[in-house]
C-alpha atoms as a PDB file:
ATOM      1  CA  MET A   1     119.334 109.833 112.228  1.00  0.00           C
ATOM      2  CA  ILE A   2     115.805 109.950 110.981  1.00  0.00           C
ATOM      3  CA  ASP A   3     114.193 113.379 110.701  1.00  0.00           C
ATOM      4  CA  ILE A   4     110.458 113.634 111.283  1.00  0.00           C
ATOM      5  CA  LYS A   5     108.851 116.493 109.422  1.00  0.00           C
ATOM      6  CA  SER A   6     105.468 118.154 108.990  1.00  0.00           C
ATOM      7  CA  THR A   7     105.931 119.262 105.398  1.00  0.00           C
ATOM      8  CA  ARG A   8     104.055 119.088 102.105  1.00  0.00           C
ATOM      9  CA  GLU A   9     107.298 119.541 100.205  1.00  0.00           C
ATOM     10  CA  ILE A  10     107.616 115.962  99.219  1.00  0.00           C
ATOM     11  CA  PRO A  11     108.546 115.009  95.672  1.00  0.00           C
ATOM     12  CA  SER A  12     105.833 112.835  93.916  1.00  0.00           C
ATOM     13  CA  LYS A  13     108.469 110.304  92.918  1.00  0.00           C
ATOM     14  CA  ALA A  14     109.470 109.794  96.565  1.00  0.00           C
ATOM     15  CA  ILE A  15     105.879 109.212  97.572  1.00  0.00           C
ATOM     16  CA  LEU A  16     105.260 106.714  94.753  1.00  0.00           C
ATOM     17  CA  ASP A  17     108.535 104.948  95.446  1.00  0.00           C
ATOM     18  CA  LEU A  18     107.559 104.453  99.130  1.00  0.00           C
ATOM     19  CA  TYR A  19     104.011 103.151  98.256  1.00  0.00           C
ATOM     20  CA  ARG A  20     105.384 100.823  95.621  1.00  0.00           C
ATOM     21  CA  VAL A  21     108.078  99.255  97.859  1.00  0.00           C
ATOM     22  CA  ASN A  22     105.363  98.659 100.371  1.00  0.00           C
ATOM     23  CA  GLN A  23     103.142  97.163  97.614  1.00  0.00           C
ATOM     24  CA  TRP A  24     100.252  99.544  98.386  1.00  0.00           C
ATOM     25  CA  SER A  25      97.701  99.642  95.505  1.00  0.00           C
ATOM     26  CA  ALA A  26      97.185 103.340  95.942  1.00  0.00           C
ATOM     27  CA  ALA A  27     100.370 103.720  93.904  1.00  0.00           C
ATOM     28  CA  GLU A  28      98.345 102.588  90.912  1.00  0.00           C
ATOM     29  CA  LYS A  29      96.501 105.876  91.121  1.00  0.00           C
ATOM     30  CA  PRO A  30      99.549 108.226  91.333  1.00  0.00           C
ATOM     31  CA  GLU A  31      97.912 111.546  90.782  1.00  0.00           C
ATOM     32  CA  ALA A  32      95.005 110.881  93.160  1.00  0.00           C
ATOM     33  CA  LEU A  33      97.411 109.434  95.828  1.00  0.00           C
ATOM     34  CA  VAL A  34      99.778 112.489  95.712  1.00  0.00           C
ATOM     35  CA  GLN A  35      96.879 115.002  95.734  1.00  0.00           C
ATOM     36  CA  GLY A  36      95.098 113.121  98.496  1.00  0.00           C
ATOM     37  CA  LEU A  37      98.242 113.216 100.698  1.00  0.00           C
ATOM     38  CA  LEU A  38      99.098 116.810  99.961  1.00  0.00           C
ATOM     39  CA  ASN A  39      95.509 117.886 100.755  1.00  0.00           C
ATOM     40  CA  SER A  40      95.329 115.865 103.995  1.00  0.00           C
ATOM     41  CA  HIS A  41      94.597 117.768 107.262  1.00  0.00           C
ATOM     42  CA  THR A  42      98.073 116.569 108.495  1.00  0.00           C
ATOM     43  CA  LEU A  43     100.906 115.002 106.667  1.00  0.00           C
ATOM     44  CA  ILE A  44     103.939 113.700 108.617  1.00  0.00           C
ATOM     45  CA  SER A  45     106.989 112.316 106.802  1.00  0.00           C
ATOM     46  CA  ALA A  46     110.188 110.613 107.919  1.00  0.00           C
ATOM     47  CA  TRP A  47     113.522 111.197 106.145  1.00  0.00           C
ATOM     48  CA  ASP A  48     116.928 109.557 106.115  1.00  0.00           C
ATOM     49  CA  LYS A  49     118.806 112.520 104.726  1.00  0.00           C
ATOM     50  CA  LYS A  50     117.008 113.062 101.367  1.00  0.00           C
ATOM     51  CA  GLN A  51     115.277 109.711 101.227  1.00  0.00           C
ATOM     52  CA  LEU A  52     111.607 109.473 102.215  1.00  0.00           C
ATOM     53  CA  VAL A  53     111.435 106.450 104.592  1.00  0.00           C
ATOM     54  CA  GLY A  54     108.028 106.880 106.252  1.00  0.00           C
ATOM     55  CA  LEU A  55     104.744 108.797 105.918  1.00  0.00           C
ATOM     56  CA  GLY A  56     101.493 109.176 107.696  1.00  0.00           C
ATOM     57  CA  ASN A  57      98.428 111.300 107.074  1.00  0.00           C
ATOM     58  CA  ALA A  58      95.269 112.358 108.763  1.00  0.00           C
ATOM     59  CA  ILE A  59      91.826 113.543 107.604  1.00  0.00           C
ATOM     60  CA  SER A  60      89.989 115.612 110.216  1.00  0.00           C
ATOM     61  CA  ASP A  61      87.242 118.111 110.876  1.00  0.00           C
ATOM     62  CA  GLY A  62      89.928 119.937 112.919  1.00  0.00           C
ATOM     63  CA  HIS A  63      87.987 119.835 116.185  1.00  0.00           C
ATOM     64  CA  LEU A  64      86.410 116.573 117.087  1.00  0.00           C
ATOM     65  CA  VAL A  65      87.210 113.662 114.773  1.00  0.00           C
ATOM     66  CA  VAL A  66      90.351 112.402 113.006  1.00  0.00           C
ATOM     67  CA  TYR A  67      90.803 109.473 110.761  1.00  0.00           C
ATOM     68  CA  TYR A  68      94.292 108.099 110.083  1.00  0.00           C
ATOM     69  CA  PRO A  69      94.138 106.453 106.592  1.00  0.00           C
ATOM     70  CA  HIS A  70      97.867 105.807 105.852  1.00  0.00           C
ATOM     71  CA  LEU A  71     100.898 105.022 107.832  1.00  0.00           C
ATOM     72  CA  LEU A  72     103.737 103.324 106.024  1.00  0.00           C
ATOM     73  CA  VAL A  73     107.490 102.806 106.575  1.00  0.00           C
ATOM     74  CA  HIS A  74     110.000 101.595 104.035  1.00  0.00           C
ATOM     75  CA  PRO A  75     110.570  97.871 104.699  1.00  0.00           C
ATOM     76  CA  ALA A  76     114.337  98.394 105.181  1.00  0.00           C
ATOM     77  CA  TYR A  77     113.536 100.848 107.928  1.00  0.00           C
ATOM     78  CA  GLN A  78     110.732  98.995 109.782  1.00  0.00           C
ATOM     79  CA  GLY A  79     111.370  98.127 113.387  1.00  0.00           C
ATOM     80  CA  ARG A  80     113.373 101.248 114.078  1.00  0.00           C
ATOM     81  CA  GLY A  81     110.632 103.218 115.774  1.00  0.00           C
ATOM     82  CA  ILE A  82     109.703 105.441 112.791  1.00  0.00           C
ATOM     83  CA  GLY A  83     105.970 104.456 112.789  1.00  0.00           C
ATOM     84  CA  PRO A  84     105.617 105.318 116.489  1.00  0.00           C
ATOM     85  CA  GLN A  85     107.437 108.618 115.969  1.00  0.00           C
ATOM     86  CA  ILE A  86     104.996 109.538 113.207  1.00  0.00           C
ATOM     87  CA  MET A  87     101.981 108.547 115.362  1.00  0.00           C
ATOM     88  CA  ASP A  88     103.417 110.400 118.362  1.00  0.00           C
ATOM     89  CA  ARG A  89     103.621 113.518 116.200  1.00  0.00           C
ATOM     90  CA  MET A  90      99.976 112.948 115.130  1.00  0.00           C
ATOM     91  CA  GLN A  91      99.023 112.635 118.796  1.00  0.00           C
ATOM     92  CA  VAL A  92     100.432 116.113 119.483  1.00  0.00           C
ATOM     93  CA  VAL A  93      98.224 117.560 116.787  1.00  0.00           C
ATOM     94  CA  TYR A  94      95.065 115.594 117.671  1.00  0.00           C
ATOM     95  CA  GLU A  95      95.424 115.293 121.480  1.00  0.00           C
ATOM     96  CA  GLY A  96      92.091 115.519 123.223  1.00  0.00           C
ATOM     97  CA  PHE A  97      89.966 114.812 120.084  1.00  0.00           C
ATOM     98  CA  HIS A  98      86.703 113.002 120.801  1.00  0.00           C
ATOM     99  CA  MET A  99      87.271 110.302 118.216  1.00  0.00           C
ATOM    100  CA  GLN A 100      90.493 109.062 116.624  1.00  0.00           C
ATOM    101  CA  MET A 101      89.817 106.308 114.064  1.00  0.00           C
ATOM    102  CA  LEU A 102      91.629 103.944 111.799  1.00  0.00           C
ATOM    103  CA  VAL A 103      91.341 100.572 110.118  1.00  0.00           C
ATOM    104  CA  ALA A 104      94.099  97.990 110.717  1.00  0.00           C
ATOM    105  CA  ASP A 105      94.704  94.462 109.640  1.00  0.00           C
ATOM    106  CA  GLY A 106      97.532  91.906 109.852  1.00  0.00           C
ATOM    107  CA  ARG A 107     100.666  93.018 111.798  1.00  0.00           C
ATOM    108  CA  ALA A 108      99.306  96.546 111.993  1.00  0.00           C
ATOM    109  CA  ILE A 109      96.751  95.595 114.590  1.00  0.00           C
ATOM    110  CA  GLY A 110      99.442  94.825 117.161  1.00  0.00           C
ATOM    111  CA  PHE A 111     101.308  98.073 116.279  1.00  0.00           C
ATOM    112  CA  TYR A 112      98.150 100.208 116.734  1.00  0.00           C
ATOM    113  CA  ARG A 113      97.301  98.432 120.007  1.00  0.00           C
ATOM    114  CA  ARG A 114     100.694  99.377 121.319  1.00  0.00           C
ATOM    115  CA  MET A 115      99.960 102.970 120.256  1.00  0.00           C
ATOM    116  CA  GLY A 116      96.841 102.934 122.444  1.00  0.00           C
ATOM    117  CA  PHE A 117      94.135 102.085 119.881  1.00  0.00           C
ATOM    118  CA  MET A 118      91.521  99.507 120.732  1.00  0.00           C
ATOM    119  CA  PRO A 119      88.686  97.774 118.927  1.00  0.00           C
ATOM    120  CA  ALA A 120      85.649 100.049 118.804  1.00  0.00           C
ATOM    121  CA  GLY A 121      83.073  97.857 120.793  1.00  0.00           C
ATOM    122  CA  ASP A 122      80.891  95.882 118.478  1.00  0.00           C
ATOM    123  CA  THR A 123      81.451  98.115 115.440  1.00  0.00           C
ATOM    124  CA  GLN A 124      82.782  96.744 112.268  1.00  0.00           C
ATOM    125  CA  PRO A 125      84.908  98.529 109.679  1.00  0.00           C
ATOM    126  CA  MET A 126      83.017  98.890 106.409  1.00  0.00           C
ATOM    127  CA  TRP A 127      84.028 100.169 103.090  1.00  0.00           C
ATOM    128  CA  ILE A 128      83.720 100.329  99.354  1.00  0.00           C
ATOM    129  CA  TYR A 129      87.364  99.588  98.419  1.00  0.00           C
ATOM    130  CA  GLN A 130      89.069  99.503  95.053  1.00  0.00           C
ATOM    131  CA  GLY A 131      92.509  98.268  96.293  1.00  0.00           C
ATOM    132  CA  LYS A 132      93.725  94.706  96.429  1.00  0.00           C
ATOM    133  CA  GLU A 133      96.180  94.416  99.285  1.00  0.00           C
ATOM    134  CA  HIS A 134      93.562  93.473 101.924  1.00  0.00           C
END
């Protein structure tokens, strides 16, 4: 059984292992990654006993706008509903917010559409990005 938690008590090694197994370039900046996650407005994690198997975070002004930068699930646990459980928990926190935003690509687009997200009119995501997985 997977346990979904709202905690900041997550070992750095567990975070880095999850990001590395998903081949996310943020793992190349371990200190910044861990501090960024621990200082997020909301941090939700998924656990199989003592193993971190999923994680999502949100950055928000706490009233009107929320941005979801990261949602990842260990590849061996994907397809088991962990991502939706994390997003459902986020929706409890940010229900009724005027603007909920994220950037999605690849397979994530279909996932987020199923979670109720839609393209934002004629807007285009824009960034200055130092990663390499996109």
